[in-house]
C-alpha atoms as a PDB file:
ATOM      1  CA  MET A   1       0.000   0.000   0.000  1.00  0.00           C
ATOM      2  CA  ALA A   2       1.219   3.511  -0.786  1.00  0.00           C
ATOM      3  CA  PRO A   3       2.407   5.540   2.234  1.00  0.00           C
ATOM      4  CA  VAL A   4      -0.364   7.503   3.935  1.00  0.00           C
ATOM      5  CA  PHE A   5       1.956  10.428   4.686  1.00  0.00           C
ATOM      6  CA  ALA A   6       4.771  11.735   2.510  1.00  0.00           C
ATOM      7  CA  HIS A   7       8.192  12.087   4.121  1.00  0.00           C
ATOM      8  CA  GLY A   8       8.029  14.661   6.921  1.00  0.00           C
ATOM      9  CA  ALA A   9       4.305  15.291   6.499  1.00  0.00           C
ATOM     10  CA  LEU A  10       3.195  13.480   9.660  1.00  0.00           C
ATOM     11  CA  ARG A  11       5.723  15.477  11.676  1.00  0.00           C
ATOM     12  CA  LEU A  12       4.220  18.727  10.403  1.00  0.00           C
ATOM     13  CA  TYR A  13       0.666  17.531  10.920  1.00  0.00           C
ATOM     14  CA  LEU A  14       1.375  16.617  14.538  1.00  0.00           C
ATOM     15  CA  LEU A  15       2.488  20.197  15.137  1.00  0.00           C
ATOM     16  CA  ALA A  16      -0.767  21.391  13.572  1.00  0.00           C
ATOM     17  CA  LEU A  17      -2.803  19.121  15.862  1.00  0.00           C
ATOM     18  CA  LEU A  18      -0.968  20.442  18.912  1.00  0.00           C
ATOM     19  CA  GLU A  19      -1.601  24.053  17.926  1.00  0.00           C
ATOM     20  CA  SER A  20      -5.105  23.861  19.421  1.00  0.00           C
ATOM     21  CA  GLY A  21      -3.750  22.766  22.802  1.00  0.00           C
ATOM     22  CA  PRO A  22      -1.803  20.042  24.653  1.00  0.00           C
ATOM     23  CA  LYS A  23      -2.688  16.439  23.888  1.00  0.00           C
ATOM     24  CA  HIS A  24      -1.480  13.034  24.989  1.00  0.00           C
ATOM     25  CA  GLY A  25      -0.520  10.327  22.536  1.00  0.00           C
ATOM     26  CA  TYR A  26      -3.880   8.567  22.426  1.00  0.00           C
ATOM     27  CA  GLU A  27      -5.679  11.844  21.697  1.00  0.00           C
ATOM     28  CA  LEU A  28      -3.364  12.459  18.755  1.00  0.00           C
ATOM     29  CA  ILE A  29      -3.931   8.940  17.418  1.00  0.00           C
ATOM     30  CA  LYS A  30      -7.704   9.400  17.814  1.00  0.00           C
ATOM     31  CA  ALA A  31      -7.616  12.801  16.079  1.00  0.00           C
ATOM     32  CA  LEU A  32      -5.741  11.304  13.124  1.00  0.00           C
ATOM     33  CA  SER A  33      -8.128   8.356  12.916  1.00  0.00           C
ATOM     34  CA  GLU A  34     -11.108  10.739  12.875  1.00  0.00           C
ATOM     35  CA  ARG A  35      -9.464  12.901  10.204  1.00  0.00           C
ATOM     36  CA  PHE A  36      -9.181   9.787   8.022  1.00  0.00           C
ATOM     37  CA  GLY A  37     -12.799   8.819   8.659  1.00  0.00           C
ATOM     38  CA  GLY A  38     -11.734   5.567  10.308  1.00  0.00           C
ATOM     39  CA  THR A  39      -9.958   4.306   7.183  1.00  0.00           C
ATOM     40  CA  TYR A  40      -6.541   4.661   8.827  1.00  0.00           C
ATOM     41  CA  SER A  41      -5.334   4.759  12.410  1.00  0.00           C
ATOM     42  CA  PRO A  42      -1.614   5.252  13.105  1.00  0.00           C
ATOM     43  CA  SER A  43       0.047   2.914  15.558  1.00  0.00           C
ATOM     44  CA  ALA A  44       1.765   4.019  18.741  1.00  0.00           C
ATOM     45  CA  GLY A  45       5.026   2.913  17.090  1.00  0.00           C
ATOM     46  CA  THR A  46       4.389   5.485  14.364  1.00  0.00           C
ATOM     47  CA  ILE A  47       3.374   8.424  16.566  1.00  0.00           C
ATOM     48  CA  TYR A  48       5.629   8.310  19.637  1.00  0.00           C
ATOM     49  CA  PRO A  49       9.018   8.216  17.866  1.00  0.00           C
ATOM     50  CA  ARG A  50       8.020  11.308  15.878  1.00  0.00           C
ATOM     51  CA  LEU A  51       6.862  13.071  19.022  1.00  0.00           C
ATOM     52  CA  GLY A  52      10.196  12.187  20.637  1.00  0.00           C
ATOM     53  CA  LYS A  53      12.055  13.645  17.677  1.00  0.00           C
ATOM     54  CA  LEU A  54      10.001  16.839  17.832  1.00  0.00           C
ATOM     55  CA  GLU A  55      10.836  17.116  21.521  1.00  0.00           C
ATOM     56  CA  GLU A  56      14.549  16.666  20.802  1.00  0.00           C
ATOM     57  CA  GLU A  57      14.346  19.507  18.288  1.00  0.00           C
ATOM     58  CA  GLY A  58      12.655  21.776  20.829  1.00  0.00           C
ATOM     59  CA  LEU A  59       9.443  22.005  18.812  1.00  0.00           C
ATOM     60  CA  VAL A  60       7.359  20.096  21.357  1.00  0.00           C
ATOM     61  CA  ALA A  61       7.434  20.089  25.155  1.00  0.00           C
ATOM     62  CA  THR A  62       6.116  17.403  27.486  1.00  0.00           C
ATOM     63  CA  HIS A  63       4.680  17.337  30.960  1.00  0.00           C
ATOM     64  CA  THR A  64       3.344  14.400  32.950  1.00  0.00           C
ATOM     65  CA  GLU A  65      -0.191  14.277  34.264  1.00  0.00           C
ATOM     66  CA  GLY A  66      -0.779  11.137  36.265  1.00  0.00           C
ATOM     67  CA  ARG A  67       0.385   8.278  34.081  1.00  0.00           C
ATOM     68  CA  ARG A  68      -0.032  10.252  30.871  1.00  0.00           C
ATOM     69  CA  THR A  69       2.495  12.366  29.070  1.00  0.00           C
ATOM     70  CA  ASN A  70       0.978  15.439  27.471  1.00  0.00           C
ATOM     71  CA  TYR A  71       2.598  17.093  24.476  1.00  0.00           C
ATOM     72  CA  SER A  72       2.360  20.801  23.675  1.00  0.00           C
ATOM     73  CA  ILE A  73       3.774  22.920  20.893  1.00  0.00           C
ATOM     74  CA  THR A  74       6.594  25.299  21.861  1.00  0.00           C
ATOM     75  CA  PRO A  75       7.159  28.810  20.515  1.00  0.00           C
ATOM     76  CA  ALA A  76       9.825  27.325  18.212  1.00  0.00           C
ATOM     77  CA  GLY A  77       7.319  24.714  17.034  1.00  0.00           C
ATOM     78  CA  LEU A  78       4.706  27.381  16.362  1.00  0.00           C
ATOM     79  CA  LEU A  79       7.279  29.417  14.454  1.00  0.00           C
ATOM     80  CA  GLU A  80       8.050  26.439  12.217  1.00  0.00           C
ATOM     81  CA  LEU A  81       4.359  25.697  11.732  1.00  0.00           C
ATOM     82  CA  ASN A  82       3.654  29.306  10.709  1.00  0.00           C
ATOM     83  CA  SER A  83       6.520  29.253   8.233  1.00  0.00           C
ATOM     84  CA  ARG A  84       5.114  26.118   6.585  1.00  0.00           C
ATOM     85  CA  ARG A  85       1.384  26.925   6.304  1.00  0.00           C
ATOM     86  CA  ASP A  86       1.447  26.462   2.539  1.00  0.00           C
ATOM     87  CA  GLU A  87       3.041  23.048   2.963  1.00  0.00           C
ATOM     88  CA  LEU A  88       0.425  22.168   5.598  1.00  0.00           C
ATOM     89  CA  ALA A  89      -2.337  22.956   3.088  1.00  0.00           C
ATOM     90  CA  GLY A  90      -0.681  20.476   0.743  1.00  0.00           C
ATOM     91  CA  VAL A  91      -0.633  17.869   3.522  1.00  0.00           C
ATOM     92  CA  GLU A  92      -4.375  18.383   4.042  1.00  0.00           C
ATOM     93  CA  SER A  93      -4.946  17.873   0.325  1.00  0.00           C
ATOM     94  CA  ASP A  94      -2.823  14.699   0.404  1.00  0.00           C
ATOM     95  CA  ILE A  95      -4.819  13.406   3.378  1.00  0.00           C
ATOM     96  CA  SER A  96      -8.076  13.896   1.466  1.00  0.00           C
ATOM     97  CA  ALA A  97      -6.605  11.954  -1.459  1.00  0.00           C
ATOM     98  CA  SER A  98      -5.411   9.212   0.914  1.00  0.00           C
ATOM     99  CA  VAL A  99      -8.874   8.938   2.475  1.00  0.00           C
ATOM    100  CA  ARG A 100     -10.414   8.426  -0.964  1.00  0.00           C
ATOM    101  CA  ARG A 101      -7.753   5.846  -1.890  1.00  0.00           C
ATOM    102  CA  LEU A 102      -8.086   3.928   1.382  1.00  0.00           C
ATOM    103  CA  ALA A 103     -11.886   3.991   1.135  1.00  0.00           C
ATOM    104  CA  ASP A 104     -11.687   2.623  -2.417  1.00  0.00           C
ATOM    105  CA  ASN A 105      -9.375  -0.168  -1.237  1.00  0.00           C
ATOM    106  CA  LEU A 106     -11.712  -1.035   1.629  1.00  0.00           C
ATOM    107  CA  ARG A 107     -14.736  -1.032  -0.661  1.00  0.00           C
ATOM    108  CA  GLN A 108     -12.917  -3.429  -2.994  1.00  0.00           C
ATOM    109  CA  ASP A 109     -12.110  -5.694  -0.033  1.00  0.00           C
ATOM    110  CA  ILE A 110     -15.771  -5.580   0.988  1.00  0.00           C
ATOM    111  CA  ARG A 111     -16.881  -6.543  -2.526  1.00  0.00           C
ATOM    112  CA  VAL A 112     -14.469  -9.490  -2.586  1.00  0.00           C
ATOM    113  CA  ASN A 113     -15.603 -10.649   0.859  1.00  0.00           C
ATOM    114  CA  MET A 114     -19.251 -10.193  -0.086  1.00  0.00           C
ATOM    115  CA  ARG A 115     -18.828 -12.451  -3.122  1.00  0.00           C
ATOM    116  CA  GLY A 116     -17.620 -15.177  -0.789  1.00  0.00           C
ATOM    117  CA  LEU A 117     -20.436 -14.447   1.659  1.00  0.00           C
ATOM    118  CA  ARG A 118     -23.040 -14.607  -1.116  1.00  0.00           C
ATOM    119  CA  ALA A 119     -21.711 -17.991  -2.180  1.00  0.00           C
ATOM    120  CA  ASP A 120     -21.824 -19.255   1.416  1.00  0.00           C
ATOM    121  CA  LEU A 121     -25.362 -17.934   1.938  1.00  0.00           C
ATOM    122  CA  ALA A 122     -26.561 -19.450  -1.332  1.00  0.00           C
ATOM    123  CA  ALA A 123     -25.074 -22.827  -0.411  1.00  0.00           C
ATOM    124  CA  THR A 124     -26.625 -22.659   3.066  1.00  0.00           C
ATOM    125  CA  ALA A 125     -30.025 -21.679   1.652  1.00  0.00           C
ATOM    126  CA  GLU A 126     -29.908 -24.506  -0.891  1.00  0.00           C
ATOM    127  CA  ALA A 127     -28.945 -26.994   1.809  1.00  0.00           C
ATOM    128  CA  ALA A 128     -31.869 -25.793   3.930  1.00  0.00           C
ATOM    129  CA  ARG A 129     -34.273 -26.157   0.996  1.00  0.00           C
ATOM    130  CA  ALA A 130     -32.970 -29.646   0.269  1.00  0.00           C
ATOM    131  CA  SER A 131     -33.413 -30.590   3.912  1.00  0.00           C
ATOM    132  CA  ALA A 132     -36.952 -29.214   3.884  1.00  0.00           C
ATOM    133  CA  ARG A 133     -37.796 -31.155   0.717  1.00  0.00           C
ATOM    134  CA  THR A 134     -36.458 -34.327   2.279  1.00  0.00           C
ATOM    135  CA  ALA A 135     -38.626 -33.718   5.325  1.00  0.00           C
ATOM    136  CA  GLY A 136     -41.644 -33.078   3.094  1.00  0.00           C
ATOM    137  CA  VAL A 137     -42.181 -29.492   4.232  1.00  0.00           C
ATOM    138  CA  THR A 138     -42.228 -27.846   0.794  1.00  0.00           C
ATOM    139  CA  GLY A 139     -45.191 -27.232  -1.492  1.00  0.00           C
ATOM    140  CA  ALA A 140     -48.438 -28.370   0.064  1.00  0.00           C
ATOM    141  CA  GLY A 141     -46.546 -29.717   3.053  1.00  0.00           C
ATOM    142  CA  ALA A 142     -45.144 -26.261   3.753  1.00  0.00           C
ATOM    143  CA  ALA A 143     -48.639 -24.746   3.685  1.00  0.00           C
ATOM    144  CA  ALA A 144     -49.793 -27.260   6.242  1.00  0.00           C
ATOM    145  CA  GLY A 145     -46.600 -26.982   8.267  1.00  0.00           C
ATOM    146  CA  ARG A 146     -47.001 -23.238   8.478  1.00  0.00           C
ATOM    147  CA  TYR A 147     -49.744 -23.723  11.031  1.00  0.00           C
ATOM    148  CA  SER A 148     -48.223 -26.714  12.782  1.00  0.00           C
ATOM    149  CA  PRO A 149     -46.573 -26.479  16.208  1.00  0.00           C
ATOM    150  CA  ASP A 150     -43.167 -27.006  14.583  1.00  0.00           C
ATOM    151  CA  GLY A 151     -43.851 -24.270  12.039  1.00  0.00           C
ATOM    152  CA  GLU A 152     -44.908 -21.847  14.766  1.00  0.00           C
ATOM    153  CA  ARG A 153     -41.812 -22.704  16.817  1.00  0.00           C
ATOM    154  CA  ARG A 154     -39.516 -22.078  13.848  1.00  0.00           C
ATOM    155  CA  LEU A 155     -41.235 -18.758  13.122  1.00  0.00           C
ATOM    156  CA  LYS A 156     -40.733 -17.561  16.688  1.00  0.00           C
ATOM    157  CA  GLU A 157     -37.106 -18.725  16.671  1.00  0.00           C
ATOM    158  CA  ALA A 158     -36.447 -16.867  13.397  1.00  0.00           C
ATOM    159  CA  GLU A 159     -38.035 -13.694  14.787  1.00  0.00           C
ATOM    160  CA  MET A 160     -35.940 -13.948  17.964  1.00  0.00           C
ATOM    161  CA  LEU A 161     -32.758 -14.375  15.923  1.00  0.00           C
ATOM    162  CA  VAL A 162     -33.553 -11.251  13.892  1.00  0.00           C
ATOM    163  CA  GLN A 163     -34.338  -9.267  17.043  1.00  0.00           C
ATOM    164  CA  SER A 164     -31.189 -10.506  18.793  1.00  0.00           C
ATOM    165  CA  PHE A 165     -29.042  -9.536  15.792  1.00  0.00           C
ATOM    166  CA  ARG A 166     -30.615  -6.075  15.693  1.00  0.00           C
ATOM    167  CA  ASP A 167     -30.080  -5.509  19.427  1.00  0.00           C
ATOM    168  CA  ASP A 168     -26.476  -6.759  19.361  1.00  0.00           C
ATOM    169  CA  MET A 169     -25.530  -4.574  16.393  1.00  0.00           C
ATOM    170  CA  ARG A 170     -27.136  -1.479  17.930  1.00  0.00           C
ATOM    171  CA  VAL A 171     -25.048  -2.008  21.070  1.00  0.00           C
ATOM    172  CA  GLU A 172     -21.850  -2.511  19.026  1.00  0.00           C
ATOM    173  CA  LEU A 173     -22.485   0.570  16.869  1.00  0.00           C
ATOM    174  CA  ARG A 174     -23.248   2.806  19.840  1.00  0.00           C
ATOM    175  CA  ARG A 175     -20.231   1.533  21.774  1.00  0.00           C
ATOM    176  CA  HIS A 176     -18.010   2.259  18.777  1.00  0.00           C
ATOM    177  CA  ALA A 177     -19.570   5.705  18.258  1.00  0.00           C
ATOM    178  CA  GLY A 178     -18.739   6.545  21.868  1.00  0.00           C
ATOM    179  CA  SER A 179     -15.020   6.530  21.029  1.00  0.00           C
ATOM    180  CA  ARG A 180     -14.986   7.606  17.368  1.00  0.00           C
ATOM    181  CA  PRO A 181     -17.465   8.328  14.572  1.00  0.00           C
ATOM    182  CA  VAL A 182     -18.850   5.492  12.484  1.00  0.00           C
ATOM    183  CA  SER A 183     -17.012   5.624   9.160  1.00  0.00           C
ATOM    184  CA  ALA A 184     -18.575   5.746   5.718  1.00  0.00           C
ATOM    185  CA  VAL A 185     -16.983   2.364   5.007  1.00  0.00           C
ATOM    186  CA  THR A 186     -18.692   0.812   8.044  1.00  0.00           C
ATOM    187  CA  LEU A 187     -22.039   2.232   6.924  1.00  0.00           C
ATOM    188  CA  GLU A 188     -21.531   0.833   3.432  1.00  0.00           C
ATOM    189  CA  THR A 189     -20.612  -2.563   4.898  1.00  0.00           C
ATOM    190  CA  VAL A 190     -23.800  -2.602   6.997  1.00  0.00           C
ATOM    191  CA  LYS A 191     -25.936  -1.723   3.964  1.00  0.00           C
ATOM    192  CA  THR A 192     -24.277  -4.317   1.735  1.00  0.00           C
ATOM    193  CA  VAL A 193     -24.446  -7.159   4.262  1.00  0.00           C
ATOM    194  CA  LEU A 194     -28.070  -6.448   5.228  1.00  0.00           C
ATOM    195  CA  ASP A 195     -29.181  -6.168   1.611  1.00  0.00           C
ATOM    196  CA  GLN A 196     -27.600  -9.519   0.795  1.00  0.00           C
ATOM    197  CA  ALA A 197     -29.042 -11.135   3.922  1.00  0.00           C
ATOM    198  CA  ARG A 198     -32.497  -9.820   2.984  1.00  0.00           C
ATOM    199  CA  ILE A 199     -32.221 -11.282  -0.518  1.00  0.00           C
ATOM    200  CA  SER A 200     -30.998 -14.649   0.758  1.00  0.00           C
ATOM    201  CA  ILE A 201     -33.744 -14.920   3.385  1.00  0.00           C
ATOM    202  CA  ARG A 202     -36.436 -13.987   0.854  1.00  0.00           C
ATOM    203  CA  ASN A 203     -35.076 -16.569  -1.565  1.00  0.00           C
ATOM    204  CA  SER A 204     -35.251 -19.229   1.133  1.00  0.00           C
ATOM    205  CA  LEU A 205     -38.862 -18.243   1.914  1.00  0.00           C
ATOM    206  CA  GLU A 206     -39.840 -18.557  -1.732  1.00  0.00           C
ATOM    207  CA  GLY A 207     -37.910 -21.783  -2.337  1.00  0.00           C
END
């Protein structure tokens, strides 16, 4: 994969993030992840060495608060940032391009994975239909079975599974949103998976 940041660009962008006030390492990682819409999140091994280098150069100062080390831009760091505003605008433009590229890559991965999922769902649906035919629950048998105790039990179980899935996903989405915004890629994944599940379930009902 192509580098997300050009040489020296992350260093400059960290100074820009610190311009608004002191931040600890996790806050900087979170801010970068949000700027990329969740398509990229730098590792601690990427961020902390650069912060250490900025501190060595006198562009960033640190102070400890509890177990956290906060980083703040120094007058020298602000001077460098001001002298490179045009370059920073270019970094912002590069980030926007990187977000589009990473989103395209993720969408392609989703499409590839969805092809495999569709094949698995189709095979599962066909196996279920074959099992139902063997048990004599298709055609006229299905109409009768719809009102049988077994048919009612299966209906309730299917409804509970759908409700359980809905509740679990709502919890997961809200827990995620509590730490960072839901990305466009996640939303597209949800739409794609649910659309395919809807089609597969309808096909099994009509089979």
